[in-house]
Amino acid sequence: EYRGYDSAGICIISEGQLITNKVQGRIQKLESILET
């Protein structure tokens, strides 16, 4: 985070499929989406 950014995303392989989540803003926003 110290490097600066304006968006973040993550992609995992689950049951043979790519699952992607992206957000504008802070990593905490991405983290809250991934909690559910």
Full PDB file with SEQRES, HELIX, SHEET, SSBOND, CRYST1, ORIGX, SCALE, CONECT and MASTER records, all heavy atoms in Angstrom:
SEQRES   1 A   36  GLU TYR ARG GLY TYR ASP SER ALA GLY ILE CYS ILE ILE          
SEQRES   2 A   36  SER GLU GLY GLN LEU ILE THR ASN LYS VAL GLN GLY ARG          
SEQRES   3 A   36  ILE GLN LYS LEU GLU SER ILE LEU GLU THR                      
HELIX    1 AA1 ILE A   27  GLU A   35  1                                   9    
SHEET    1 AA1 2 SER A   7  SER A  14  0                                        
SHEET    2 AA1 2 GLN A  17  GLN A  24 -1                                        
CRYST1    1.000    1.000    1.000  90.00  90.00  90.00 P 1           1          
ORIGX1      1.000000  0.000000  0.000000        0.00000                         
ORIGX2      0.000000  1.000000  0.000000        0.00000                         
ORIGX3      0.000000  0.000000  1.000000        0.00000                         
SCALE1      1.000000  0.000000  0.000000        0.00000                         
SCALE2      0.000000  1.000000  0.000000        0.00000                         
SCALE3      0.000000  0.000000  1.000000        0.00000                         
ATOM      1  N   GLU A   1       0.808  -1.224   0.000  1.00  0.00           N  
ATOM      2  CA  GLU A   1       0.000   0.000   0.000  1.00  0.00           C  
ATOM      3  C   GLU A   1       0.836   1.268   0.000  1.00  0.00           C  
ATOM      4  O   GLU A   1       0.422   2.279  -0.562  1.00  0.00           O  
ATOM      5  CB  GLU A   1      -0.951   0.018   1.198  1.00  0.00           C  
ATOM      6  CG  GLU A   1      -2.147  -0.863   1.010  1.00  0.00           C  
ATOM      7  CD  GLU A   1      -3.157  -0.707   2.129  1.00  0.00           C  
ATOM      8  OE1 GLU A   1      -2.805  -0.980   3.290  1.00  0.00           O  
ATOM      9  OE2 GLU A   1      -4.291  -0.304   1.822  1.00  0.00           O  
ATOM     10  N   TYR A   2       1.999   1.247   0.611  1.00  0.00           N  
ATOM     11  CA  TYR A   2       2.843   2.442   0.711  1.00  0.00           C  
ATOM     12  C   TYR A   2       3.253   2.964  -0.668  1.00  0.00           C  
ATOM     13  O   TYR A   2       3.606   4.131  -0.817  1.00  0.00           O  
ATOM     14  CB  TYR A   2       4.095   2.143   1.538  1.00  0.00           C  
ATOM     15  CG  TYR A   2       5.114   1.302   0.808  1.00  0.00           C  
ATOM     16  CD1 TYR A   2       6.148   1.900   0.097  1.00  0.00           C  
ATOM     17  CD2 TYR A   2       5.033  -0.089   0.798  1.00  0.00           C  
ATOM     18  CE1 TYR A   2       7.080   1.135  -0.596  1.00  0.00           C  
ATOM     19  CE2 TYR A   2       5.946  -0.860   0.124  1.00  0.00           C  
ATOM     20  CZ  TYR A   2       6.972  -0.243  -0.567  1.00  0.00           C  
ATOM     21  OH  TYR A   2       7.881  -1.007  -1.246  1.00  0.00           O  
ATOM     22  N   ARG A   3       3.158   2.126  -1.685  1.00  0.00           N  
ATOM     23  CA  ARG A   3       3.595   2.510  -3.022  1.00  0.00           C  
ATOM     24  C   ARG A   3       2.577   3.397  -3.743  1.00  0.00           C  
ATOM     25  O   ARG A   3       2.896   4.005  -4.745  1.00  0.00           O  
ATOM     26  CB  ARG A   3       3.848   1.251  -3.854  1.00  0.00           C  
ATOM     27  CG  ARG A   3       4.913   0.364  -3.235  1.00  0.00           C  
ATOM     28  CD  ARG A   3       5.049  -0.912  -3.975  1.00  0.00           C  
ATOM     29  NE  ARG A   3       5.807  -0.660  -5.201  1.00  0.00           N  
ATOM     30  CZ  ARG A   3       6.178  -1.607  -6.032  1.00  0.00           C  
ATOM     31  NH1 ARG A   3       5.845  -2.857  -5.793  1.00  0.00           N  
ATOM     32  NH2 ARG A   3       6.860  -1.324  -7.105  1.00  0.00           N  
ATOM     33  N   GLY A   4       1.357   3.453  -3.233  1.00  0.00           N  
ATOM     34  CA  GLY A   4       0.321   4.259  -3.854  1.00  0.00           C  
ATOM     35  C   GLY A   4      -0.424   3.491  -4.939  1.00  0.00           C  
ATOM     36  O   GLY A   4       0.181   2.722  -5.670  1.00  0.00           O  
ATOM     37  N   TYR A   5      -1.726   3.669  -4.983  1.00  0.00           N  
ATOM     38  CA  TYR A   5      -2.559   2.994  -5.969  1.00  0.00           C  
ATOM     39  C   TYR A   5      -3.948   3.607  -5.938  1.00  0.00           C  
ATOM     40  O   TYR A   5      -4.297   4.321  -5.015  1.00  0.00           O  
ATOM     41  CB  TYR A   5      -2.651   1.487  -5.674  1.00  0.00           C  
ATOM     42  CG  TYR A   5      -3.298   1.174  -4.355  1.00  0.00           C  
ATOM     43  CD1 TYR A   5      -4.646   0.836  -4.290  1.00  0.00           C  
ATOM     44  CD2 TYR A   5      -2.591   1.246  -3.168  1.00  0.00           C  
ATOM     45  CE1 TYR A   5      -5.259   0.570  -3.081  1.00  0.00           C  
ATOM     46  CE2 TYR A   5      -3.193   0.982  -1.959  1.00  0.00           C  
ATOM     47  CZ  TYR A   5      -4.523   0.645  -1.918  1.00  0.00           C  
ATOM     48  OH  TYR A   5      -5.136   0.386  -0.719  1.00  0.00           O  
ATOM     49  N   ASP A   6      -4.754   3.335  -6.974  1.00  0.00           N  
ATOM     50  CA  ASP A   6      -6.133   3.821  -6.977  1.00  0.00           C  
ATOM     51  C   ASP A   6      -7.146   2.705  -7.233  1.00  0.00           C  
ATOM     52  O   ASP A   6      -8.347   2.938  -7.197  1.00  0.00           O  
ATOM     53  CB  ASP A   6      -6.325   4.959  -7.983  1.00  0.00           C  
ATOM     54  CG  ASP A   6      -6.010   4.556  -9.410  1.00  0.00           C  
ATOM     55  OD1 ASP A   6      -5.852   3.345  -9.677  1.00  0.00           O  
ATOM     56  OD2 ASP A   6      -5.918   5.443 -10.258  1.00  0.00           O  
ATOM     57  N   SER A   7      -6.659   1.497  -7.499  1.00  0.00           N  
ATOM     58  CA  SER A   7      -7.558   0.360  -7.655  1.00  0.00           C  
ATOM     59  C   SER A   7      -6.806  -0.920  -7.312  1.00  0.00           C  
ATOM     60  O   SER A   7      -5.578  -0.943  -7.283  1.00  0.00           O  
ATOM     61  CB  SER A   7      -8.105   0.288  -9.092  1.00  0.00           C  
ATOM     62  OG  SER A   7      -7.053   0.150 -10.020  1.00  0.00           O  
ATOM     63  N   ALA A   8      -7.574  -1.964  -7.036  1.00  0.00           N  
ATOM     64  CA  ALA A   8      -6.972  -3.240  -6.659  1.00  0.00           C  
ATOM     65  C   ALA A   8      -7.866  -4.374  -7.146  1.00  0.00           C  
ATOM     66  O   ALA A   8      -9.073  -4.195  -7.340  1.00  0.00           O  
ATOM     67  CB  ALA A   8      -6.802  -3.326  -5.144  1.00  0.00           C  
ATOM     68  N   GLY A   9      -7.276  -5.532  -7.331  1.00  0.00           N  
ATOM     69  CA  GLY A   9      -8.047  -6.687  -7.765  1.00  0.00           C  
ATOM     70  C   GLY A   9      -7.381  -7.977  -7.356  1.00  0.00           C  
ATOM     71  O   GLY A   9      -6.199  -8.008  -7.013  1.00  0.00           O  
ATOM     72  N   ILE A  10      -8.160  -9.045  -7.386  1.00  0.00           N  
ATOM     73  CA  ILE A  10      -7.658 -10.366  -7.050  1.00  0.00           C  
ATOM     74  C   ILE A  10      -8.364 -11.380  -7.937  1.00  0.00           C  
ATOM     75  O   ILE A  10      -9.532 -11.208  -8.288  1.00  0.00           O  
ATOM     76  CB  ILE A  10      -7.869 -10.681  -5.552  1.00  0.00           C  
ATOM     77  CG1 ILE A  10      -7.176 -11.982  -5.167  1.00  0.00           C  
ATOM     78  CG2 ILE A  10      -9.329 -10.698  -5.189  1.00  0.00           C  
ATOM     79  CD1 ILE A  10      -7.133 -12.229  -3.660  1.00  0.00           C  
ATOM     80  N   CYS A  11      -7.637 -12.419  -8.311  1.00  0.00           N  
ATOM     81  CA  CYS A  11      -8.200 -13.494  -9.118  1.00  0.00           C  
ATOM     82  C   CYS A  11      -7.724 -14.821  -8.527  1.00  0.00           C  
ATOM     83  O   CYS A  11      -6.532 -14.986  -8.239  1.00  0.00           O  
ATOM     84  CB  CYS A  11      -7.741 -13.367 -10.567  1.00  0.00           C  
ATOM     85  SG  CYS A  11      -8.444 -14.625 -11.654  1.00  0.00           S  
ATOM     86  N   ILE A  12      -8.657 -15.746  -8.325  1.00  0.00           N  
ATOM     87  CA  ILE A  12      -8.325 -17.078  -7.832  1.00  0.00           C  
ATOM     88  C   ILE A  12      -8.881 -18.118  -8.801  1.00  0.00           C  
ATOM     89  O   ILE A  12      -9.766 -17.828  -9.599  1.00  0.00           O  
ATOM     90  CB  ILE A  12      -8.868 -17.331  -6.409  1.00  0.00           C  
ATOM     91  CG1 ILE A  12     -10.396 -17.254  -6.390  1.00  0.00           C  
ATOM     92  CG2 ILE A  12      -8.237 -16.392  -5.404  1.00  0.00           C  
ATOM     93  CD1 ILE A  12     -11.029 -17.729  -5.092  1.00  0.00           C  
ATOM     94  N   ILE A  13      -8.330 -19.318  -8.718  1.00  0.00           N  
ATOM     95  CA  ILE A  13      -8.870 -20.445  -9.473  1.00  0.00           C  
ATOM     96  C   ILE A  13      -9.655 -21.291  -8.487  1.00  0.00           C  
ATOM     97  O   ILE A  13      -9.105 -21.799  -7.513  1.00  0.00           O  
ATOM     98  CB  ILE A  13      -7.759 -21.275 -10.119  1.00  0.00           C  
ATOM     99  CG1 ILE A  13      -6.956 -20.423 -11.078  1.00  0.00           C  
ATOM    100  CG2 ILE A  13      -8.353 -22.498 -10.817  1.00  0.00           C  
ATOM    101  CD1 ILE A  13      -5.747 -21.121 -11.657  1.00  0.00           C  
ATOM    102  N   SER A  14     -10.955 -21.422  -8.722  1.00  0.00           N  
ATOM    103  CA  SER A  14     -11.818 -22.198  -7.840  1.00  0.00           C  
ATOM    104  C   SER A  14     -12.657 -23.154  -8.687  1.00  0.00           C  
ATOM    105  O   SER A  14     -13.392 -22.709  -9.577  1.00  0.00           O  
ATOM    106  CB  SER A  14     -12.727 -21.267  -7.033  1.00  0.00           C  
ATOM    107  OG  SER A  14     -13.572 -22.005  -6.178  1.00  0.00           O  
ATOM    108  N   GLU A  15     -12.512 -24.423  -8.416  1.00  0.00           N  
ATOM    109  CA  GLU A  15     -13.246 -25.463  -9.142  1.00  0.00           C  
ATOM    110  C   GLU A  15     -13.075 -25.322 -10.651  1.00  0.00           C  
ATOM    111  O   GLU A  15     -14.029 -25.435 -11.420  1.00  0.00           O  
ATOM    112  CB  GLU A  15     -14.713 -25.458  -8.742  1.00  0.00           C  
ATOM    113  CG  GLU A  15     -14.922 -25.761  -7.270  1.00  0.00           C  
ATOM    114  CD  GLU A  15     -16.377 -25.716  -6.849  1.00  0.00           C  
ATOM    115  OE1 GLU A  15     -17.259 -25.680  -7.724  1.00  0.00           O  
ATOM    116  OE2 GLU A  15     -16.617 -25.728  -5.637  1.00  0.00           O  
ATOM    117  N   GLY A  16     -11.851 -25.016 -11.082  1.00  0.00           N  
ATOM    118  CA  GLY A  16     -11.534 -24.916 -12.492  1.00  0.00           C  
ATOM    119  C   GLY A  16     -11.960 -23.632 -13.174  1.00  0.00           C  
ATOM    120  O   GLY A  16     -11.818 -23.500 -14.383  1.00  0.00           O  
ATOM    121  N   GLN A  17     -12.471 -22.663 -12.419  1.00  0.00           N  
ATOM    122  CA  GLN A  17     -12.898 -21.389 -12.994  1.00  0.00           C  
ATOM    123  C   GLN A  17     -12.118 -20.234 -12.383  1.00  0.00           C  
ATOM    124  O   GLN A  17     -11.759 -20.273 -11.201  1.00  0.00           O  
ATOM    125  CB  GLN A  17     -14.383 -21.171 -12.756  1.00  0.00           C  
ATOM    126  CG  GLN A  17     -15.259 -22.154 -13.475  1.00  0.00           C  
ATOM    127  CD  GLN A  17     -16.728 -21.755 -13.383  1.00  0.00           C  
ATOM    128  OE1 GLN A  17     -17.079 -20.724 -12.836  1.00  0.00           O  
ATOM    129  NE2 GLN A  17     -17.582 -22.589 -13.928  1.00  0.00           N  
ATOM    130  N   LEU A  18     -11.895 -19.194 -13.173  1.00  0.00           N  
ATOM    131  CA  LEU A  18     -11.270 -17.979 -12.668  1.00  0.00           C  
ATOM    132  C   LEU A  18     -12.341 -17.109 -12.017  1.00  0.00           C  
ATOM    133  O   LEU A  18     -13.362 -16.802 -12.635  1.00  0.00           O  
ATOM    134  CB  LEU A  18     -10.602 -17.194 -13.801  1.00  0.00           C  
ATOM    135  CG  LEU A  18      -9.412 -17.872 -14.470  1.00  0.00           C  
ATOM    136  CD1 LEU A  18      -8.933 -17.030 -15.649  1.00  0.00           C  
ATOM    137  CD2 LEU A  18      -8.288 -18.098 -13.480  1.00  0.00           C  
ATOM    138  N   ILE A  19     -12.108 -16.718 -10.774  1.00  0.00           N  
ATOM    139  CA  ILE A  19     -13.016 -15.843 -10.033  1.00  0.00           C  
ATOM    140  C   ILE A  19     -12.270 -14.527  -9.811  1.00  0.00           C  
ATOM    141  O   ILE A  19     -11.240 -14.498  -9.143  1.00  0.00           O  
ATOM    142  CB  ILE A  19     -13.424 -16.459  -8.674  1.00  0.00           C  
ATOM    143  CG1 ILE A  19     -13.921 -17.895  -8.836  1.00  0.00           C  
ATOM    144  CG2 ILE A  19     -14.420 -15.562  -7.974  1.00  0.00           C  
ATOM    145  CD1 ILE A  19     -15.162 -18.043  -9.679  1.00  0.00           C  
ATOM    146  N   THR A  20     -12.792 -13.444 -10.377  1.00  0.00           N  
ATOM    147  CA  THR A  20     -12.117 -12.150 -10.335  1.00  0.00           C  
ATOM    148  C   THR A  20     -12.961 -11.127  -9.577  1.00  0.00           C  
ATOM    149  O   THR A  20     -14.166 -11.059  -9.773  1.00  0.00           O  
ATOM    150  CB  THR A  20     -11.877 -11.638 -11.772  1.00  0.00           C  
ATOM    151  OG1 THR A  20     -11.137 -12.623 -12.481  1.00  0.00           O  
ATOM    152  CG2 THR A  20     -11.106 -10.333 -11.761  1.00  0.00           C  
ATOM    153  N   ASN A  21     -12.304 -10.350  -8.730  1.00  0.00           N  
ATOM    154  CA  ASN A  21     -12.937  -9.233  -8.024  1.00  0.00           C  
ATOM    155  C   ASN A  21     -12.022  -8.029  -8.146  1.00  0.00           C  
ATOM    156  O   ASN A  21     -10.819  -8.136  -7.896  1.00  0.00           O  
ATOM    157  CB  ASN A  21     -13.138  -9.567  -6.537  1.00  0.00           C  
ATOM    158  CG  ASN A  21     -14.197 -10.610  -6.340  1.00  0.00           C  
ATOM    159  OD1 ASN A  21     -15.366 -10.323  -6.386  1.00  0.00           O  
ATOM    160  ND2 ASN A  21     -13.776 -11.853  -6.140  1.00  0.00           N  
ATOM    161  N   LYS A  22     -12.602  -6.873  -8.547  1.00  0.00           N  
ATOM    162  CA  LYS A  22     -11.840  -5.636  -8.711  1.00  0.00           C  
ATOM    163  C   LYS A  22     -12.610  -4.492  -8.064  1.00  0.00           C  
ATOM    164  O   LYS A  22     -13.839  -4.501  -8.065  1.00  0.00           O  
ATOM    165  CB  LYS A  22     -11.631  -5.293 -10.180  1.00  0.00           C  
ATOM    166  CG  LYS A  22     -11.096  -6.382 -11.033  1.00  0.00           C  
ATOM    167  CD  LYS A  22     -10.830  -5.914 -12.437  1.00  0.00           C  
ATOM    168  CE  LYS A  22     -12.033  -6.042 -13.319  1.00  0.00           C  
ATOM    169  NZ  LYS A  22     -11.741  -5.766 -14.734  1.00  0.00           N  
ATOM    170  N   VAL A  23     -11.869  -3.516  -7.538  1.00  0.00           N  
ATOM    171  CA  VAL A  23     -12.510  -2.330  -6.960  1.00  0.00           C  
ATOM    172  C   VAL A  23     -11.676  -1.097  -7.263  1.00  0.00           C  
ATOM    173  O   VAL A  23     -10.468  -1.171  -7.423  1.00  0.00           O  
ATOM    174  CB  VAL A  23     -12.688  -2.433  -5.422  1.00  0.00           C  
ATOM    175  CG1 VAL A  23     -13.595  -3.574  -5.054  1.00  0.00           C  
ATOM    176  CG2 VAL A  23     -11.359  -2.542  -4.707  1.00  0.00           C  
ATOM    177  N   GLN A  24     -12.355   0.045  -7.354  1.00  0.00           N  
ATOM    178  CA  GLN A  24     -11.671   1.327  -7.323  1.00  0.00           C  
ATOM    179  C   GLN A  24     -11.524   1.681  -5.854  1.00  0.00           C  
ATOM    180  O   GLN A  24     -12.442   1.473  -5.077  1.00  0.00           O  
ATOM    181  CB  GLN A  24     -12.488   2.395  -8.030  1.00  0.00           C  
ATOM    182  CG  GLN A  24     -12.533   2.248  -9.512  1.00  0.00           C  
ATOM    183  CD  GLN A  24     -13.294   3.392 -10.166  1.00  0.00           C  
ATOM    184  OE1 GLN A  24     -13.703   4.328  -9.515  1.00  0.00           O  
ATOM    185  NE2 GLN A  24     -13.476   3.283 -11.459  1.00  0.00           N  
ATOM    186  N   GLY A  25     -10.388   2.209  -5.491  1.00  0.00           N  
ATOM    187  CA  GLY A  25     -10.201   2.615  -4.101  1.00  0.00           C  
ATOM    188  C   GLY A  25      -9.305   1.670  -3.326  1.00  0.00           C  
ATOM    189  O   GLY A  25      -8.489   0.961  -3.897  1.00  0.00           O  
ATOM    190  N   ARG A  26      -9.484   1.688  -2.030  1.00  0.00           N  
ATOM    191  CA  ARG A  26      -8.579   1.024  -1.095  1.00  0.00           C  
ATOM    192  C   ARG A  26      -8.749  -0.502  -1.049  1.00  0.00           C  
ATOM    193  O   ARG A  26      -9.809  -1.047  -1.369  1.00  0.00           O  
ATOM    194  CB  ARG A  26      -8.792   1.574   0.312  1.00  0.00           C  
ATOM    195  CG  ARG A  26      -8.747   3.086   0.423  1.00  0.00           C  
ATOM    196  CD  ARG A  26      -7.445   3.679   0.012  1.00  0.00           C  
ATOM    197  NE  ARG A  26      -6.398   3.323   0.954  1.00  0.00           N  
ATOM    198  CZ  ARG A  26      -5.129   3.611   0.778  1.00  0.00           C  
ATOM    199  NH1 ARG A  26      -4.740   4.248  -0.280  1.00  0.00           N  
ATOM    200  NH2 ARG A  26      -4.238   3.259   1.663  1.00  0.00           N  
ATOM    201  N   ILE A  27      -7.714  -1.176  -0.602  1.00  0.00           N  
ATOM    202  CA  ILE A  27      -7.724  -2.627  -0.452  1.00  0.00           C  
ATOM    203  C   ILE A  27      -8.786  -3.052   0.558  1.00  0.00           C  
ATOM    204  O   ILE A  27      -9.389  -4.113   0.415  1.00  0.00           O  
ATOM    205  CB  ILE A  27      -6.327  -3.130  -0.047  1.00  0.00           C  
ATOM    206  CG1 ILE A  27      -5.365  -2.926  -1.222  1.00  0.00           C  
ATOM    207  CG2 ILE A  27      -6.371  -4.601   0.358  1.00  0.00           C  
ATOM    208  CD1 ILE A  27      -3.920  -3.156  -0.890  1.00  0.00           C  
ATOM    209  N   GLN A  28      -9.072  -2.217   1.551  1.00  0.00           N  
ATOM    210  CA  GLN A  28     -10.106  -2.544   2.535  1.00  0.00           C  
ATOM    211  C   GLN A  28     -11.458  -2.744   1.858  1.00  0.00           C  
ATOM    212  O   GLN A  28     -12.258  -3.579   2.286  1.00  0.00           O  
ATOM    213  CB  GLN A  28     -10.217  -1.448   3.607  1.00  0.00           C  
ATOM    214  CG  GLN A  28      -9.045  -1.402   4.553  1.00  0.00           C  
ATOM    215  CD  GLN A  28      -7.841  -0.656   3.970  1.00  0.00           C  
ATOM    216  OE1 GLN A  28      -7.897  -0.075   2.888  1.00  0.00           O  
ATOM    217  NE2 GLN A  28      -6.728  -0.703   4.675  1.00  0.00           N  
ATOM    218  N   LYS A  29     -11.723  -2.001   0.805  1.00  0.00           N  
ATOM    219  CA  LYS A  29     -12.962  -2.155   0.055  1.00  0.00           C  
ATOM    220  C   LYS A  29     -13.012  -3.528  -0.628  1.00  0.00           C  
ATOM    221  O   LYS A  29     -14.031  -4.214  -0.601  1.00  0.00           O  
ATOM    222  CB  LYS A  29     -13.072  -1.031  -0.983  1.00  0.00           C  
ATOM    223  CG  LYS A  29     -14.384  -0.947  -1.697  1.00  0.00           C  
ATOM    224  CD  LYS A  29     -14.392   0.286  -2.593  1.00  0.00           C  
ATOM    225  CE  LYS A  29     -15.665   0.403  -3.385  1.00  0.00           C  
ATOM    226  NZ  LYS A  29     -15.626   1.572  -4.292  1.00  0.00           N  
ATOM    227  N   LEU A  30     -11.911  -3.936  -1.203  1.00  0.00           N  
ATOM    228  CA  LEU A  30     -11.805  -5.260  -1.816  1.00  0.00           C  
ATOM    229  C   LEU A  30     -11.956  -6.349  -0.757  1.00  0.00           C  
ATOM    230  O   LEU A  30     -12.673  -7.328  -0.955  1.00  0.00           O  
ATOM    231  CB  LEU A  30     -10.456  -5.401  -2.529  1.00  0.00           C  
ATOM    232  CG  LEU A  30     -10.146  -6.729  -3.199  1.00  0.00           C  
ATOM    233  CD1 LEU A  30     -11.149  -7.026  -4.305  1.00  0.00           C  
ATOM    234  CD2 LEU A  30      -8.727  -6.721  -3.752  1.00  0.00           C  
ATOM    235  N   GLU A  31     -11.320  -6.135   0.367  1.00  0.00           N  
ATOM    236  CA  GLU A  31     -11.382  -7.106   1.466  1.00  0.00           C  
ATOM    237  C   GLU A  31     -12.823  -7.293   1.961  1.00  0.00           C  
ATOM    238  O   GLU A  31     -13.250  -8.420   2.218  1.00  0.00           O  
ATOM    239  CB  GLU A  31     -10.483  -6.634   2.606  1.00  0.00           C  
ATOM    240  CG  GLU A  31     -10.246  -7.638   3.679  1.00  0.00           C  
ATOM    241  CD  GLU A  31      -9.196  -7.162   4.659  1.00  0.00           C  
ATOM    242  OE1 GLU A  31      -9.025  -5.938   4.828  1.00  0.00           O  
ATOM    243  OE2 GLU A  31      -8.544  -8.021   5.267  1.00  0.00           O  
ATOM    244  N   SER A  32     -13.586  -6.215   2.063  1.00  0.00           N  
ATOM    245  CA  SER A  32     -14.958  -6.327   2.544  1.00  0.00           C  
ATOM    246  C   SER A  32     -15.838  -7.092   1.545  1.00  0.00           C  
ATOM    247  O   SER A  32     -16.735  -7.835   1.947  1.00  0.00           O  
ATOM    248  CB  SER A  32     -15.553  -4.949   2.838  1.00  0.00           C  
ATOM    249  OG  SER A  32     -15.713  -4.204   1.657  1.00  0.00           O  
ATOM    250  N   ILE A  33     -15.577  -6.945   0.262  1.00  0.00           N  
ATOM    251  CA  ILE A  33     -16.308  -7.719  -0.747  1.00  0.00           C  
ATOM    252  C   ILE A  33     -15.970  -9.204  -0.624  1.00  0.00           C  
ATOM    253  O   ILE A  33     -16.839 -10.067  -0.703  1.00  0.00           O  
ATOM    254  CB  ILE A  33     -15.976  -7.209  -2.161  1.00  0.00           C  
ATOM    255  CG1 ILE A  33     -16.578  -5.831  -2.374  1.00  0.00           C  
ATOM    256  CG2 ILE A  33     -16.455  -8.184  -3.226  1.00  0.00           C  
ATOM    257  CD1 ILE A  33     -16.116  -5.163  -3.647  1.00  0.00           C  
ATOM    258  N   LEU A  34     -14.708  -9.500  -0.401  1.00  0.00           N  
ATOM    259  CA  LEU A  34     -14.264 -10.891  -0.346  1.00  0.00           C  
ATOM    260  C   LEU A  34     -14.690 -11.605   0.936  1.00  0.00           C  
ATOM    261  O   LEU A  34     -14.700 -12.842   0.972  1.00  0.00           O  
ATOM    262  CB  LEU A  34     -12.749 -10.954  -0.509  1.00  0.00           C  
ATOM    263  CG  LEU A  34     -12.244 -10.521  -1.889  1.00  0.00           C  
ATOM    264  CD1 LEU A  34     -10.733 -10.399  -1.890  1.00  0.00           C  
ATOM    265  CD2 LEU A  34     -12.716 -11.487  -2.956  1.00  0.00           C  
ATOM    266  N   GLU A  35     -15.043 -10.861   1.984  1.00  0.00           N  
ATOM    267  CA  GLU A  35     -15.493 -11.484   3.233  1.00  0.00           C  
ATOM    268  C   GLU A  35     -16.749 -12.322   3.024  1.00  0.00           C  
ATOM    269  O   GLU A  35     -16.958 -13.318   3.708  1.00  0.00           O  
ATOM    270  CB  GLU A  35     -15.750 -10.424   4.304  1.00  0.00           C  
ATOM    271  CG  GLU A  35     -14.502  -9.853   4.901  1.00  0.00           C  
ATOM    272  CD  GLU A  35     -14.778  -8.729   5.889  1.00  0.00           C  
ATOM    273  OE1 GLU A  35     -15.962  -8.357   6.064  1.00  0.00           O  
ATOM    274  OE2 GLU A  35     -13.814  -8.233   6.466  1.00  0.00           O  
ATOM    275  N   THR A  36     -17.588 -11.925   2.084  1.00  0.00           N  
ATOM    276  CA  THR A  36     -18.833 -12.643   1.835  1.00  0.00           C  
ATOM    277  C   THR A  36     -18.700 -13.669   0.710  1.00  0.00           C  
ATOM    278  O   THR A  36     -19.655 -14.384   0.426  1.00  0.00           O  
ATOM    279  CB  THR A  36     -19.965 -11.662   1.484  1.00  0.00           C  
ATOM    280  OG1 THR A  36     -19.598 -10.934   0.315  1.00  0.00           O  
ATOM    281  CG2 THR A  36     -20.220 -10.702   2.629  1.00  0.00           C  
TER     282      THR A  36                                                      
MASTER        0    0    0    1    2    0    0    6  281    1    0    3          
END                                                                             
